[in-house]
Amino acid sequence: MKVLKKSPESELADTWVSLGEALLGAMDAMDEIRGV
């Protein structure tokens, strides 16, 4: 992990952004598998 001085709020926001991107990527993959 990078040791940067960040507020807990921005750390949490970064985590949610990463989760959101992963979720969108997973949904796109599911659509491709189903052939939508």
PDB file of N, CA and C in Angstrom:
ATOM      1  N   MET A   1       0.823  -1.197   0.000  1.00  0.00           N
ATOM      2  CA  MET A   1       0.000   0.000   0.000  1.00  0.00           C
ATOM      3  C   MET A   1       0.854   1.242   0.000  1.00  0.00           C
ATOM      4  N   LYS A   2       0.353   2.262  -0.702  1.00  0.00           N
ATOM      5  CA  LYS A   2       1.071   3.529  -0.712  1.00  0.00           C
ATOM      6  C   LYS A   2       0.832   4.262   0.597  1.00  0.00           C
ATOM      7  N   VAL A   3       1.904   4.838   1.111  1.00  0.00           N
ATOM      8  CA  VAL A   3       1.756   5.593   2.348  1.00  0.00           C
ATOM      9  C   VAL A   3       1.711   7.073   2.006  1.00  0.00           C
ATOM     10  N   LEU A   4       0.487   7.538   1.717  1.00  0.00           N
ATOM     11  CA  LEU A   4       0.278   8.949   1.420  1.00  0.00           C
ATOM     12  C   LEU A   4      -0.620   9.533   2.495  1.00  0.00           C
ATOM     13  N   LYS A   5      -0.407  10.794   2.770  1.00  0.00           N
ATOM     14  CA  LYS A   5      -1.272  11.435   3.759  1.00  0.00           C
ATOM     15  C   LYS A   5      -2.610  11.727   3.106  1.00  0.00           C
ATOM     16  N   LYS A   6      -3.586  10.915   3.454  1.00  0.00           N
ATOM     17  CA  LYS A   6      -4.934  11.083   2.906  1.00  0.00           C
ATOM     18  C   LYS A   6      -5.929  11.070   4.046  1.00  0.00           C
ATOM     19  N   SER A   7      -7.025  11.746   3.842  1.00  0.00           N
ATOM     20  CA  SER A   7      -8.070  11.700   4.850  1.00  0.00           C
ATOM     21  C   SER A   7      -8.807  10.370   4.733  1.00  0.00           C
ATOM     22  N   PRO A   8      -9.358   9.880   5.840  1.00  0.00           N
ATOM     23  CA  PRO A   8     -10.124   8.622   5.790  1.00  0.00           C
ATOM     24  C   PRO A   8     -11.264   8.694   4.782  1.00  0.00           C
ATOM     25  N   GLU A   9     -11.862   9.894   4.648  1.00  0.00           N
ATOM     26  CA  GLU A   9     -12.975  10.048   3.715  1.00  0.00           C
ATOM     27  C   GLU A   9     -12.542   9.791   2.283  1.00  0.00           C
ATOM     28  N   SER A  10     -11.383  10.314   1.881  1.00  0.00           N
ATOM     29  CA  SER A  10     -10.951  10.108   0.501  1.00  0.00           C
ATOM     30  C   SER A  10     -10.497   8.665   0.292  1.00  0.00           C
ATOM     31  N   GLU A  11      -9.948   8.055   1.322  1.00  0.00           N
ATOM     32  CA  GLU A  11      -9.594   6.630   1.233  1.00  0.00           C
ATOM     33  C   GLU A  11     -10.856   5.813   0.968  1.00  0.00           C
ATOM     34  N   LEU A  12     -11.906   6.115   1.709  1.00  0.00           N
ATOM     35  CA  LEU A  12     -13.164   5.395   1.576  1.00  0.00           C
ATOM     36  C   LEU A  12     -13.759   5.642   0.191  1.00  0.00           C
ATOM     37  N   ALA A  13     -13.702   6.882  -0.276  1.00  0.00           N
ATOM     38  CA  ALA A  13     -14.233   7.210  -1.601  1.00  0.00           C
ATOM     39  C   ALA A  13     -13.481   6.431  -2.680  1.00  0.00           C
ATOM     40  N   ASP A  14     -12.161   6.370  -2.568  1.00  0.00           N
ATOM     41  CA  ASP A  14     -11.358   5.621  -3.550  1.00  0.00           C
ATOM     42  C   ASP A  14     -11.768   4.154  -3.553  1.00  0.00           C
ATOM     43  N   THR A  15     -12.023   3.619  -2.368  1.00  0.00           N
ATOM     44  CA  THR A  15     -12.431   2.212  -2.258  1.00  0.00           C
ATOM     45  C   THR A  15     -13.757   1.992  -2.960  1.00  0.00           C
ATOM     46  N   TRP A  16     -14.716   2.896  -2.745  1.00  0.00           N
ATOM     47  CA  TRP A  16     -16.031   2.762  -3.382  1.00  0.00           C
ATOM     48  C   TRP A  16     -15.927   2.908  -4.887  1.00  0.00           C
ATOM     49  N   VAL A  17     -15.084   3.817  -5.361  1.00  0.00           N
ATOM     50  CA  VAL A  17     -14.888   3.991  -6.805  1.00  0.00           C
ATOM     51  C   VAL A  17     -14.336   2.703  -7.406  1.00  0.00           C
ATOM     52  N   SER A  18     -13.349   2.111  -6.731  1.00  0.00           N
ATOM     53  CA  SER A  18     -12.764   0.859  -7.226  1.00  0.00           C
ATOM     54  C   SER A  18     -13.813  -0.254  -7.263  1.00  0.00           C
ATOM     55  N   LEU A  19     -14.624  -0.337  -6.216  1.00  0.00           N
ATOM     56  CA  LEU A  19     -15.674  -1.355  -6.176  1.00  0.00           C
ATOM     57  C   LEU A  19     -16.692  -1.120  -7.283  1.00  0.00           C
ATOM     58  N   GLY A  20     -17.053   0.144  -7.499  1.00  0.00           N
ATOM     59  CA  GLY A  20     -18.019   0.465  -8.544  1.00  0.00           C
ATOM     60  C   GLY A  20     -17.504   0.087  -9.920  1.00  0.00           C
ATOM     61  N   GLU A  21     -16.231   0.377 -10.176  1.00  0.00           N
ATOM     62  CA  GLU A  21     -15.640   0.035 -11.470  1.00  0.00           C
ATOM     63  C   GLU A  21     -15.594  -1.480 -11.652  1.00  0.00           C
ATOM     64  N   ALA A  22     -15.257  -2.198 -10.594  1.00  0.00           N
ATOM     65  CA  ALA A  22     -15.210  -3.661 -10.674  1.00  0.00           C
ATOM     66  C   ALA A  22     -16.604  -4.217 -10.958  1.00  0.00           C
ATOM     67  N   LEU A  23     -17.620  -3.637 -10.311  1.00  0.00           N
ATOM     68  CA  LEU A  23     -18.991  -4.098 -10.504  1.00  0.00           C
ATOM     69  C   LEU A  23     -19.449  -3.843 -11.932  1.00  0.00           C
ATOM     70  N   LEU A  24     -19.142  -2.659 -12.464  1.00  0.00           N
ATOM     71  CA  LEU A  24     -19.509  -2.347 -13.847  1.00  0.00           C
ATOM     72  C   LEU A  24     -18.810  -3.290 -14.818  1.00  0.00           C
ATOM     73  N   GLY A  25     -17.549  -3.561 -14.568  1.00  0.00           N
ATOM     74  CA  GLY A  25     -16.801  -4.478 -15.422  1.00  0.00           C
ATOM     75  C   GLY A  25     -17.408  -5.875 -15.395  1.00  0.00           C
ATOM     76  N   ALA A  26     -17.815  -6.310 -14.211  1.00  0.00           N
ATOM     77  CA  ALA A  26     -18.423  -7.639 -14.074  1.00  0.00           C
ATOM     78  C   ALA A  26     -19.746  -7.698 -14.823  1.00  0.00           C
ATOM     79  N   MET A  27     -20.547  -6.628 -14.730  1.00  0.00           N
ATOM     80  CA  MET A  27     -21.834  -6.600 -15.431  1.00  0.00           C
ATOM     81  C   MET A  27     -21.621  -6.613 -16.942  1.00  0.00           C
ATOM     82  N   ASP A  28     -20.627  -5.885 -17.417  1.00  0.00           N
ATOM     83  CA  ASP A  28     -20.317  -5.894 -18.854  1.00  0.00           C
ATOM     84  C   ASP A  28     -19.930  -7.299 -19.296  1.00  0.00           C
ATOM     85  N   ALA A  29     -19.111  -7.960 -18.499  1.00  0.00           N
ATOM     86  CA  ALA A  29     -18.679  -9.319 -18.831  1.00  0.00           C
ATOM     87  C   ALA A  29     -19.876 -10.269 -18.874  1.00  0.00           C
ATOM     88  N   MET A  30     -20.794 -10.132 -17.917  1.00  0.00           N
ATOM     89  CA  MET A  30     -21.980 -10.983 -17.889  1.00  0.00           C
ATOM     90  C   MET A  30     -22.811 -10.774 -19.151  1.00  0.00           C
ATOM     91  N   ASP A  31     -22.970  -9.513 -19.560  1.00  0.00           N
ATOM     92  CA  ASP A  31     -23.738  -9.220 -20.778  1.00  0.00           C
ATOM     93  C   ASP A  31     -23.082  -9.863 -21.990  1.00  0.00           C
ATOM     94  N   GLU A  32     -21.764  -9.809 -22.063  1.00  0.00           N
ATOM     95  CA  GLU A  32     -21.058 -10.402 -23.206  1.00  0.00           C
ATOM     96  C   GLU A  32     -21.239 -11.912 -23.217  1.00  0.00           C
ATOM     97  N   ILE A  33     -21.185 -12.526 -22.039  1.00  0.00           N
ATOM     98  CA  ILE A  33     -21.351 -13.980 -21.939  1.00  0.00           C
ATOM     99  C   ILE A  33     -22.754 -14.383 -22.408  1.00  0.00           C
ATOM    100  N   ARG A  34     -23.757 -13.594 -22.019  1.00  0.00           N
ATOM    101  CA  ARG A  34     -25.135 -13.904 -22.399  1.00  0.00           C
ATOM    102  C   ARG A  34     -25.436 -13.501 -23.838  1.00  0.00           C
ATOM    103  N   GLY A  35     -24.550 -12.695 -24.421  1.00  0.00           N
ATOM    104  CA  GLY A  35     -24.742 -12.284 -25.807  1.00  0.00           C
ATOM    105  C   GLY A  35     -25.762 -11.171 -25.961  1.00  0.00           C
ATOM    106  N   VAL A  36     -25.895 -10.343 -24.937  1.00  0.00           N
ATOM    107  CA  VAL A  36     -26.845  -9.230 -24.995  1.00  0.00           C
ATOM    108  C   VAL A  36     -26.264  -8.109 -25.838  1.00  0.00           C
TER     109      VAL A  36
END
